[in-house]
Structure formats: C-alpha cells, structure tokens
Amino acid sequence: MPVPGSIRMTAGAERRFYGGMAVAILAVAILGFARTYFLRPILPVPTPAPPALTHLVHLHAFLFTAWVVLLFIQTRLVAARRIDLHRRLGVIVAGVAVVMVVVGALVALHAVLRGVAPFGMDPYRFMIVPLVAITLFAVFVIAGMRARRRDSQAHKRYMLLGTIALLPPAVARWALLLGLGPPIVLAVGTLFLVPLFVWDWKALGRIHPVTLWGGLALAVSGPLRLLVARTDEWSTVSHWLVRLMT
C-alpha cells in the first residue's frame, strides 16, 4: 500500500498530465482569442465593430500569451529532466507574473474608462470580474513560487491553478457568439479543475490540499463576483477605485 501522500503514478505519467494540461490551456487561449485578437487583422470586421486595440491591450495580450507559452515550456523542461533550466527560466516566469498583475489591473481600469464590458454589463460593475481573477492569479503564483523548492507537488498545483484563473476571458469570446452569459463562462472556466481532481485521486489516493482549497476558491469566486457586482456597495467601491487611479 502506498505511503499516504506519496505519488502512485509514475514520473512519466505525471509529466504527461501537466504537459497535457499546458497544451489544453494553450489551445483554449489561442482559439478563444483567435477571432478577436490573433486573427483579427485578416477577418471581416463584425457589426458592431469591436473596441480599438490600444497599446496597453497589445501589451496585455503579449504578456498573458507569454505566460501560457512559458507554462508549456516549463512542463517540457521537466519532461526532459532539465530541472536546472526549469529553475533558471522560473526567474523570468516570476518577472512576467509581476508585470502581468500590474498590467492586468490597468487593463481592467482602462476598460472602465473606455466604457467597455462584455454581456452588456455596466463597466463599473463588471470590473470586479477581472480584478478578482488577477488577484487569484497573484495569490496562487506567489504561493507556488514559495513552494517551488520545499514542496514540488504544491508548486505544480499552485501554478496550474493560477493559470486556470485566467481562462474565463478566452472562454467568454466564444460564449458571446453563442449567446451564453457570465455564469456559464465562469462555470466552463472551472471545468479545468476536473482533470486536476481526477489526477490527484489517481496519483495520491486523495485530493491534494492545494487542489481542494484552491479549486474551491476558484469555483466559489465566480458566482460571488457576479453577486457582489450587482450591489450598490461594489458600485461605490468601483467608482472610488477609478477616481483614485485617474
């Protein structure tokens, strides 16, 4: 019988799991933003025309795409047993994450100033959705960086959870075409938690605490954001934040 907390699966199976998750996330990001960003210059302009792409939006797109690509590269380095390069690249990953948090918050504020929000929502009320997403990303990545040497299993899960927190915007691009609302978008985004829960059960015989509590935080944050967005208190706070930052 395996020792509690030990990995039941082989190292190769673990590398395939995290590599597969990275590929799936990369595919969702590319397909999600293909129409509105990556292939936008060659596609017909839809009606009504989408908002113009500012320099800040381009920087945001570059950073968030780079993050997903780096996640994939890091999993491949682990698969190739190049832990030395994995750790060296981790310094760049940490730097990208810091800039992402700053730029992500600025983009959320910038969208309010431009009057841009999906699903016909009031931009001030919608602002809580990206702000909570980038906050969760920051919390998970910081925790993952702290655990990288003392607890590799926690480190892997934190970094994956942080990336999953960023997926709803990519899902939303297709949801808008299908006429689906924010609750469905946030729910679909959390579906990436399912393979992680399944992997934990197969590999550990239990759900890892990081997966359990981090996944719960992600799942609960979706409906909570939508509930808080409707309150007068959040409207007051969002207006205050915009005035503070402008």
C-alpha atoms as a PDB file:
ATOM      1  CA  MET A   1       0.000   0.000   0.000  1.00  0.00           C
ATOM      2  CA  PRO A   2       1.396   3.441  -0.915  1.00  0.00           C
ATOM      3  CA  VAL A   3       2.537   5.747   1.856  1.00  0.00           C
ATOM      4  CA  PRO A   4      -0.109   8.467   2.431  1.00  0.00           C
ATOM      5  CA  GLY A   5       0.726  11.472   0.269  1.00  0.00           C
ATOM      6  CA  SER A   6       3.111   9.543  -1.994  1.00  0.00           C
ATOM      7  CA  ILE A   7       2.732   9.504  -5.775  1.00  0.00           C
ATOM      8  CA  ARG A   8       1.126   6.296  -7.028  1.00  0.00           C
ATOM      9  CA  MET A   9       1.641   7.151 -10.696  1.00  0.00           C
ATOM     10  CA  THR A  10       4.983   7.108 -12.490  1.00  0.00           C
ATOM     11  CA  ALA A  11       7.012  10.254 -13.058  1.00  0.00           C
ATOM     12  CA  GLY A  12       6.312   9.853 -16.775  1.00  0.00           C
ATOM     13  CA  ALA A  13       2.559   9.845 -16.174  1.00  0.00           C
ATOM     14  CA  GLU A  14       2.866  12.977 -14.079  1.00  0.00           C
ATOM     15  CA  ARG A  15       4.856  14.749 -16.768  1.00  0.00           C
ATOM     16  CA  ARG A  16       2.276  13.749 -19.376  1.00  0.00           C
ATOM     17  CA  PHE A  17      -0.560  15.044 -17.216  1.00  0.00           C
ATOM     18  CA  TYR A  18       0.919  18.503 -16.625  1.00  0.00           C
ATOM     19  CA  GLY A  19       2.153  18.690 -20.209  1.00  0.00           C
ATOM     20  CA  GLY A  20      -1.307  17.803 -21.478  1.00  0.00           C
ATOM     21  CA  MET A  21      -2.905  20.434 -19.256  1.00  0.00           C
ATOM     22  CA  ALA A  22      -0.477  23.051 -20.576  1.00  0.00           C
ATOM     23  CA  VAL A  23      -1.310  22.126 -24.188  1.00  0.00           C
ATOM     24  CA  ALA A  24      -5.053  22.231 -23.487  1.00  0.00           C
ATOM     25  CA  ILE A  25      -4.792  25.652 -21.824  1.00  0.00           C
ATOM     26  CA  LEU A  26      -2.675  26.972 -24.690  1.00  0.00           C
ATOM     27  CA  ALA A  27      -5.267  25.722 -27.191  1.00  0.00           C
ATOM     28  CA  VAL A  28      -8.124  27.364 -25.276  1.00  0.00           C
ATOM     29  CA  ALA A  29      -6.221  30.664 -25.138  1.00  0.00           C
ATOM     30  CA  ILE A  30      -5.372  30.676 -28.853  1.00  0.00           C
ATOM     31  CA  LEU A  31      -8.805  29.544 -30.022  1.00  0.00           C
ATOM     32  CA  GLY A  32     -10.568  31.852 -27.589  1.00  0.00           C
ATOM     33  CA  PHE A  33      -8.773  34.972 -28.779  1.00  0.00           C
ATOM     34  CA  ALA A  34      -8.326  33.923 -32.420  1.00  0.00           C
ATOM     35  CA  ARG A  35     -11.320  35.874 -33.688  1.00  0.00           C
ATOM     36  CA  THR A  36     -10.915  38.995 -31.543  1.00  0.00           C
ATOM     37  CA  TYR A  37      -7.133  39.238 -31.476  1.00  0.00           C
ATOM     38  CA  PHE A  38      -4.800  36.731 -33.175  1.00  0.00           C
ATOM     39  CA  LEU A  39      -6.723  36.558 -36.472  1.00  0.00           C
ATOM     40  CA  ARG A  40      -8.474  39.906 -36.163  1.00  0.00           C
ATOM     41  CA  PRO A  41      -6.406  41.640 -38.900  1.00  0.00           C
ATOM     42  CA  ILE A  42      -7.466  39.102 -41.546  1.00  0.00           C
ATOM     43  CA  LEU A  43     -11.096  38.554 -40.565  1.00  0.00           C
ATOM     44  CA  PRO A  44     -14.057  40.709 -41.659  1.00  0.00           C
ATOM     45  CA  VAL A  45     -14.964  43.435 -39.175  1.00  0.00           C
ATOM     46  CA  PRO A  46     -18.077  42.323 -37.288  1.00  0.00           C
ATOM     47  CA  THR A  47     -21.083  44.556 -36.626  1.00  0.00           C
ATOM     48  CA  PRO A  48     -20.995  46.383 -34.291  1.00  0.00           C
ATOM     49  CA  ALA A  49     -17.253  46.976 -34.613  1.00  0.00           C
ATOM     50  CA  PRO A  50     -15.256  45.817 -31.573  1.00  0.00           C
ATOM     51  CA  PRO A  51     -13.308  48.359 -29.479  1.00  0.00           C
ATOM     52  CA  ALA A  52      -9.979  49.511 -30.878  1.00  0.00           C
ATOM     53  CA  LEU A  53      -6.868  47.687 -29.700  1.00  0.00           C
ATOM     54  CA  THR A  54      -4.719  50.073 -27.672  1.00  0.00           C
ATOM     55  CA  HIS A  55      -1.025  49.717 -26.854  1.00  0.00           C
ATOM     56  CA  LEU A  56      -1.980  48.638 -23.346  1.00  0.00           C
ATOM     57  CA  VAL A  57      -4.227  45.896 -24.738  1.00  0.00           C
ATOM     58  CA  HIS A  58      -1.424  44.677 -27.002  1.00  0.00           C
ATOM     59  CA  LEU A  59       0.963  44.559 -24.040  1.00  0.00           C
ATOM     60  CA  HIS A  60      -1.641  42.691 -22.016  1.00  0.00           C
ATOM     61  CA  ALA A  61      -2.126  40.167 -24.831  1.00  0.00           C
ATOM     62  CA  PHE A  62       1.626  39.669 -25.225  1.00  0.00           C
ATOM     63  CA  LEU A  63       2.188  39.073 -21.505  1.00  0.00           C
ATOM     64  CA  PHE A  64      -0.714  36.701 -20.998  1.00  0.00           C
ATOM     65  CA  THR A  65       0.160  34.736 -24.147  1.00  0.00           C
ATOM     66  CA  ALA A  66       3.781  34.590 -23.000  1.00  0.00           C
ATOM     67  CA  TRP A  67       2.638  33.221 -19.649  1.00  0.00           C
ATOM     68  CA  VAL A  68       0.759  30.312 -21.236  1.00  0.00           C
ATOM     69  CA  VAL A  69       3.682  29.581 -23.588  1.00  0.00           C
ATOM     70  CA  LEU A  70       6.101  29.667 -20.644  1.00  0.00           C
ATOM     71  CA  LEU A  71       3.866  27.254 -18.743  1.00  0.00           C
ATOM     72  CA  PHE A  72       4.108  24.852 -21.683  1.00  0.00           C
ATOM     73  CA  ILE A  73       7.888  25.284 -21.961  1.00  0.00           C
ATOM     74  CA  GLN A  74       8.327  24.681 -18.237  1.00  0.00           C
ATOM     75  CA  THR A  75       6.401  21.411 -18.438  1.00  0.00           C
ATOM     76  CA  ARG A  76       8.537  20.309 -21.393  1.00  0.00           C
ATOM     77  CA  LEU A  77      11.742  21.120 -19.495  1.00  0.00           C
ATOM     78  CA  VAL A  78      10.552  18.990 -16.589  1.00  0.00           C
ATOM     79  CA  ALA A  79       9.647  16.204 -19.008  1.00  0.00           C
ATOM     80  CA  ALA A  80      13.168  16.418 -20.454  1.00  0.00           C
ATOM     81  CA  ARG A  81      14.565  16.343 -16.894  1.00  0.00           C
ATOM     82  CA  ARG A  82      16.185  19.759 -17.372  1.00  0.00           C
ATOM     83  CA  ILE A  83      15.312  20.939 -13.884  1.00  0.00           C
ATOM     84  CA  ASP A  84      18.302  23.314 -13.962  1.00  0.00           C
ATOM     85  CA  LEU A  85      16.859  25.214 -16.942  1.00  0.00           C
ATOM     86  CA  HIS A  86      13.385  24.970 -15.438  1.00  0.00           C
ATOM     87  CA  ARG A  87      14.596  26.798 -12.339  1.00  0.00           C
ATOM     88  CA  ARG A  88      16.536  29.407 -14.304  1.00  0.00           C
ATOM     89  CA  LEU A  89      13.539  30.127 -16.500  1.00  0.00           C
ATOM     90  CA  GLY A  90      11.486  30.356 -13.322  1.00  0.00           C
ATOM     91  CA  VAL A  91      13.142  33.721 -12.620  1.00  0.00           C
ATOM     92  CA  ILE A  92      11.761  35.053 -15.912  1.00  0.00           C
ATOM     93  CA  VAL A  93       8.385  33.478 -15.162  1.00  0.00           C
ATOM     94  CA  ALA A  94       8.252  35.296 -11.836  1.00  0.00           C
ATOM     95  CA  GLY A  95       9.104  38.603 -13.516  1.00  0.00           C
ATOM     96  CA  VAL A  96       6.428  38.099 -16.169  1.00  0.00           C
ATOM     97  CA  ALA A  97       3.888  37.329 -13.438  1.00  0.00           C
ATOM     98  CA  VAL A  98       4.639  40.590 -11.603  1.00  0.00           C
ATOM     99  CA  VAL A  99       4.187  42.658 -14.761  1.00  0.00           C
ATOM    100  CA  MET A 100       1.030  40.704 -15.623  1.00  0.00           C
ATOM    101  CA  VAL A 101      -0.596  41.639 -12.323  1.00  0.00           C
ATOM    102  CA  VAL A 102       0.141  45.337 -12.820  1.00  0.00           C
ATOM    103  CA  VAL A 103      -0.907  45.380 -16.476  1.00  0.00           C
ATOM    104  CA  GLY A 104      -3.986  43.233 -15.777  1.00  0.00           C
ATOM    105  CA  ALA A 105      -5.210  45.711 -13.159  1.00  0.00           C
ATOM    106  CA  LEU A 106      -4.529  48.637 -15.511  1.00  0.00           C
ATOM    107  CA  VAL A 107      -6.430  46.952 -18.346  1.00  0.00           C
ATOM    108  CA  ALA A 108      -9.435  46.414 -16.049  1.00  0.00           C
ATOM    109  CA  LEU A 109      -9.365  50.114 -15.139  1.00  0.00           C
ATOM    110  CA  HIS A 110      -8.766  51.146 -18.751  1.00  0.00           C
ATOM    111  CA  ALA A 111     -11.816  49.152 -19.865  1.00  0.00           C
ATOM    112  CA  VAL A 112     -13.998  51.117 -17.447  1.00  0.00           C
ATOM    113  CA  LEU A 113     -12.646  54.429 -18.733  1.00  0.00           C
ATOM    114  CA  ARG A 114     -13.366  53.297 -22.311  1.00  0.00           C
ATOM    115  CA  GLY A 115     -16.837  52.105 -21.342  1.00  0.00           C
ATOM    116  CA  VAL A 116     -16.027  48.543 -22.456  1.00  0.00           C
ATOM    117  CA  ALA A 117     -17.615  45.497 -20.810  1.00  0.00           C
ATOM    118  CA  PRO A 118     -18.979  42.219 -22.207  1.00  0.00           C
ATOM    119  CA  PHE A 119     -22.518  40.866 -21.965  1.00  0.00           C
ATOM    120  CA  GLY A 120     -23.966  44.382 -21.836  1.00  0.00           C
ATOM    121  CA  MET A 121     -22.849  44.829 -18.226  1.00  0.00           C
ATOM    122  CA  ASP A 122     -22.071  48.176 -16.653  1.00  0.00           C
ATOM    123  CA  PRO A 123     -18.248  48.525 -16.900  1.00  0.00           C
ATOM    124  CA  TYR A 124     -18.029  49.690 -13.283  1.00  0.00           C
ATOM    125  CA  ARG A 125     -19.866  46.624 -12.079  1.00  0.00           C
ATOM    126  CA  PHE A 126     -18.019  44.230 -14.396  1.00  0.00           C
ATOM    127  CA  MET A 127     -14.619  45.444 -13.178  1.00  0.00           C
ATOM    128  CA  ILE A 128     -14.777  43.069 -10.202  1.00  0.00           C
ATOM    129  CA  VAL A 129     -14.540  40.053 -12.540  1.00  0.00           C
ATOM    130  CA  PRO A 130     -11.044  40.753 -13.950  1.00  0.00           C
ATOM    131  CA  LEU A 131      -9.775  42.259 -10.692  1.00  0.00           C
ATOM    132  CA  VAL A 132     -10.608  39.116  -8.712  1.00  0.00           C
ATOM    133  CA  ALA A 133      -9.139  36.937 -11.482  1.00  0.00           C
ATOM    134  CA  ILE A 134      -5.813  38.769 -11.426  1.00  0.00           C
ATOM    135  CA  THR A 135      -5.816  38.738  -7.612  1.00  0.00           C
ATOM    136  CA  LEU A 136      -6.329  34.962  -7.550  1.00  0.00           C
ATOM    137  CA  PHE A 137      -3.592  34.590 -10.140  1.00  0.00           C
ATOM    138  CA  ALA A 138      -1.208  36.635  -7.993  1.00  0.00           C
ATOM    139  CA  VAL A 139      -2.022  34.693  -4.817  1.00  0.00           C
ATOM    140  CA  PHE A 140      -1.564  31.315  -6.495  1.00  0.00           C
ATOM    141  CA  VAL A 141       1.681  32.264  -8.234  1.00  0.00           C
ATOM    142  CA  ILE A 142       3.202  33.764  -5.087  1.00  0.00           C
ATOM    143  CA  ALA A 143       2.292  30.613  -3.165  1.00  0.00           C
ATOM    144  CA  GLY A 144       3.683  28.489  -5.989  1.00  0.00           C
ATOM    145  CA  MET A 145       6.977  30.360  -6.033  1.00  0.00           C
ATOM    146  CA  ARG A 146       7.332  29.999  -2.272  1.00  0.00           C
ATOM    147  CA  ALA A 147       6.729  26.246  -2.509  1.00  0.00           C
ATOM    148  CA  ARG A 148       8.967  25.573  -5.516  1.00  0.00           C
ATOM    149  CA  ARG A 149      11.895  24.094  -3.548  1.00  0.00           C
ATOM    150  CA  ARG A 150      10.288  22.664  -0.417  1.00  0.00           C
ATOM    151  CA  ASP A 151       7.138  21.135  -1.977  1.00  0.00           C
ATOM    152  CA  SER A 152       7.178  20.458  -5.714  1.00  0.00           C
ATOM    153  CA  GLN A 153       3.698  18.906  -5.660  1.00  0.00           C
ATOM    154  CA  ALA A 154       2.174  22.056  -4.176  1.00  0.00           C
ATOM    155  CA  HIS A 155       4.248  24.213  -6.550  1.00  0.00           C
ATOM    156  CA  LYS A 156       2.872  22.479  -9.655  1.00  0.00           C
ATOM    157  CA  ARG A 157      -0.704  22.770  -8.488  1.00  0.00           C
ATOM    158  CA  TYR A 158      -0.442  26.419  -7.494  1.00  0.00           C
ATOM    159  CA  MET A 159       0.987  27.389 -10.883  1.00  0.00           C
ATOM    160  CA  LEU A 160      -1.706  25.445 -12.704  1.00  0.00           C
ATOM    161  CA  LEU A 161      -4.471  26.979 -10.587  1.00  0.00           C
ATOM    162  CA  GLY A 162      -3.108  30.463 -11.236  1.00  0.00           C
ATOM    163  CA  THR A 163      -3.282  29.848 -14.970  1.00  0.00           C
ATOM    164  CA  ILE A 164      -6.789  28.395 -14.773  1.00  0.00           C
ATOM    165  CA  ALA A 165      -7.883  31.601 -13.017  1.00  0.00           C
ATOM    166  CA  LEU A 166      -7.048  33.486 -16.237  1.00  0.00           C
ATOM    167  CA  LEU A 167      -9.089  31.301 -18.614  1.00  0.00           C
ATOM    168  CA  PRO A 168     -12.618  32.840 -18.434  1.00  0.00           C
ATOM    169  CA  PRO A 169     -11.829  35.749 -20.826  1.00  0.00           C
ATOM    170  CA  ALA A 170     -10.804  33.266 -23.537  1.00  0.00           C
ATOM    171  CA  VAL A 171     -13.974  31.235 -22.928  1.00  0.00           C
ATOM    172  CA  ALA A 172     -16.065  34.416 -22.963  1.00  0.00           C
ATOM    173  CA  ARG A 173     -15.128  35.218 -26.575  1.00  0.00           C
ATOM    174  CA  TRP A 174     -16.962  32.110 -27.760  1.00  0.00           C
ATOM    175  CA  ALA A 175     -19.736  32.458 -25.203  1.00  0.00           C
ATOM    176  CA  LEU A 176     -20.617  35.838 -26.684  1.00  0.00           C
ATOM    177  CA  LEU A 177     -21.060  34.232 -30.106  1.00  0.00           C
ATOM    178  CA  LEU A 178     -23.295  31.526 -28.615  1.00  0.00           C
ATOM    179  CA  GLY A 179     -25.344  33.969 -26.555  1.00  0.00           C
ATOM    180  CA  LEU A 180     -24.199  32.494 -23.225  1.00  0.00           C
ATOM    181  CA  GLY A 181     -23.975  34.623 -20.098  1.00  0.00           C
ATOM    182  CA  PRO A 182     -21.297  35.250 -17.437  1.00  0.00           C
ATOM    183  CA  PRO A 183     -22.390  32.387 -15.116  1.00  0.00           C
ATOM    184  CA  ILE A 184     -21.804  29.843 -17.901  1.00  0.00           C
ATOM    185  CA  VAL A 185     -18.449  31.398 -18.799  1.00  0.00           C
ATOM    186  CA  LEU A 186     -17.158  31.222 -15.236  1.00  0.00           C
ATOM    187  CA  ALA A 187     -18.514  27.694 -14.822  1.00  0.00           C
ATOM    188  CA  VAL A 188     -16.829  26.484 -18.031  1.00  0.00           C
ATOM    189  CA  GLY A 189     -13.564  28.067 -16.906  1.00  0.00           C
ATOM    190  CA  THR A 190     -13.605  25.981 -13.732  1.00  0.00           C
ATOM    191  CA  LEU A 191     -14.026  22.742 -15.723  1.00  0.00           C
ATOM    192  CA  PHE A 192     -10.243  22.655 -15.961  1.00  0.00           C
ATOM    193  CA  LEU A 193     -10.307  21.794 -12.267  1.00  0.00           C
ATOM    194  CA  VAL A 194     -11.927  18.438 -13.039  1.00  0.00           C
ATOM    195  CA  PRO A 195      -8.858  16.746 -14.579  1.00  0.00           C
ATOM    196  CA  LEU A 196      -6.738  18.044 -11.697  1.00  0.00           C
ATOM    197  CA  PHE A 197      -9.109  16.495  -9.146  1.00  0.00           C
ATOM    198  CA  VAL A 198      -9.107  13.236 -11.105  1.00  0.00           C
ATOM    199  CA  TRP A 199      -5.324  13.247 -11.331  1.00  0.00           C
ATOM    200  CA  ASP A 200      -4.990  13.820  -7.586  1.00  0.00           C
ATOM    201  CA  TRP A 201      -7.281  10.909  -6.833  1.00  0.00           C
ATOM    202  CA  LYS A 202      -5.352   8.583  -9.131  1.00  0.00           C
ATOM    203  CA  ALA A 203      -1.900   9.785  -8.134  1.00  0.00           C
ATOM    204  CA  LEU A 204      -2.360  10.349  -4.400  1.00  0.00           C
ATOM    205  CA  GLY A 205      -5.483   8.446  -3.487  1.00  0.00           C
ATOM    206  CA  ARG A 206      -6.851  11.737  -2.131  1.00  0.00           C
ATOM    207  CA  ILE A 207      -7.332  15.350  -3.183  1.00  0.00           C
ATOM    208  CA  HIS A 208      -4.236  17.423  -2.544  1.00  0.00           C
ATOM    209  CA  PRO A 209      -4.973  20.320  -0.131  1.00  0.00           C
ATOM    210  CA  VAL A 210      -3.819  22.865  -2.719  1.00  0.00           C
ATOM    211  CA  THR A 211      -6.208  21.427  -5.288  1.00  0.00           C
ATOM    212  CA  LEU A 212      -9.045  21.227  -2.791  1.00  0.00           C
ATOM    213  CA  TRP A 213      -8.859  24.689  -1.270  1.00  0.00           C
ATOM    214  CA  GLY A 214      -7.509  26.456  -4.342  1.00  0.00           C
ATOM    215  CA  GLY A 215     -10.118  24.818  -6.572  1.00  0.00           C
ATOM    216  CA  LEU A 216     -12.835  25.705  -4.089  1.00  0.00           C
ATOM    217  CA  ALA A 217     -11.684  29.328  -4.070  1.00  0.00           C
ATOM    218  CA  LEU A 218     -11.796  29.434  -7.873  1.00  0.00           C
ATOM    219  CA  ALA A 219     -15.200  27.771  -8.105  1.00  0.00           C
ATOM    220  CA  VAL A 220     -16.821  29.912  -5.418  1.00  0.00           C
ATOM    221  CA  SER A 221     -15.270  33.157  -6.641  1.00  0.00           C
ATOM    222  CA  GLY A 222     -17.240  33.014  -9.907  1.00  0.00           C
ATOM    223  CA  PRO A 223     -20.791  33.319  -8.578  1.00  0.00           C
ATOM    224  CA  LEU A 224     -19.596  35.552  -5.722  1.00  0.00           C
ATOM    225  CA  ARG A 225     -18.149  38.048  -8.186  1.00  0.00           C
ATOM    226  CA  LEU A 226     -21.439  38.241 -10.057  1.00  0.00           C
ATOM    227  CA  LEU A 227     -23.404  38.663  -6.830  1.00  0.00           C
ATOM    228  CA  VAL A 228     -21.117  41.390  -5.489  1.00  0.00           C
ATOM    229  CA  ALA A 229     -21.117  43.155  -8.877  1.00  0.00           C
ATOM    230  CA  ARG A 230     -24.847  43.789  -8.508  1.00  0.00           C
ATOM    231  CA  THR A 231     -24.570  45.504  -5.128  1.00  0.00           C
ATOM    232  CA  ASP A 232     -24.598  49.242  -4.560  1.00  0.00           C
ATOM    233  CA  GLU A 233     -21.598  48.828  -2.287  1.00  0.00           C
ATOM    234  CA  TRP A 234     -19.464  47.487  -5.116  1.00  0.00           C
ATOM    235  CA  SER A 235     -20.667  50.257  -7.411  1.00  0.00           C
ATOM    236  CA  THR A 236     -19.445  52.768  -4.835  1.00  0.00           C
ATOM    237  CA  VAL A 237     -16.101  50.994  -4.448  1.00  0.00           C
ATOM    238  CA  SER A 238     -15.536  50.668  -8.202  1.00  0.00           C
ATOM    239  CA  HIS A 239     -16.234  54.346  -8.787  1.00  0.00           C
ATOM    240  CA  TRP A 240     -13.847  55.198  -5.954  1.00  0.00           C
ATOM    241  CA  LEU A 241     -11.134  52.980  -7.443  1.00  0.00           C
ATOM    242  CA  VAL A 242     -11.475  54.610 -10.848  1.00  0.00           C
ATOM    243  CA  ARG A 243     -11.283  58.100  -9.340  1.00  0.00           C
ATOM    244  CA  LEU A 244      -8.268  57.044  -7.268  1.00  0.00           C
ATOM    245  CA  MET A 245      -6.379  55.723 -10.295  1.00  0.00           C
ATOM    246  CA  THR A 246      -7.167  58.596 -12.675  1.00  0.00           C
END
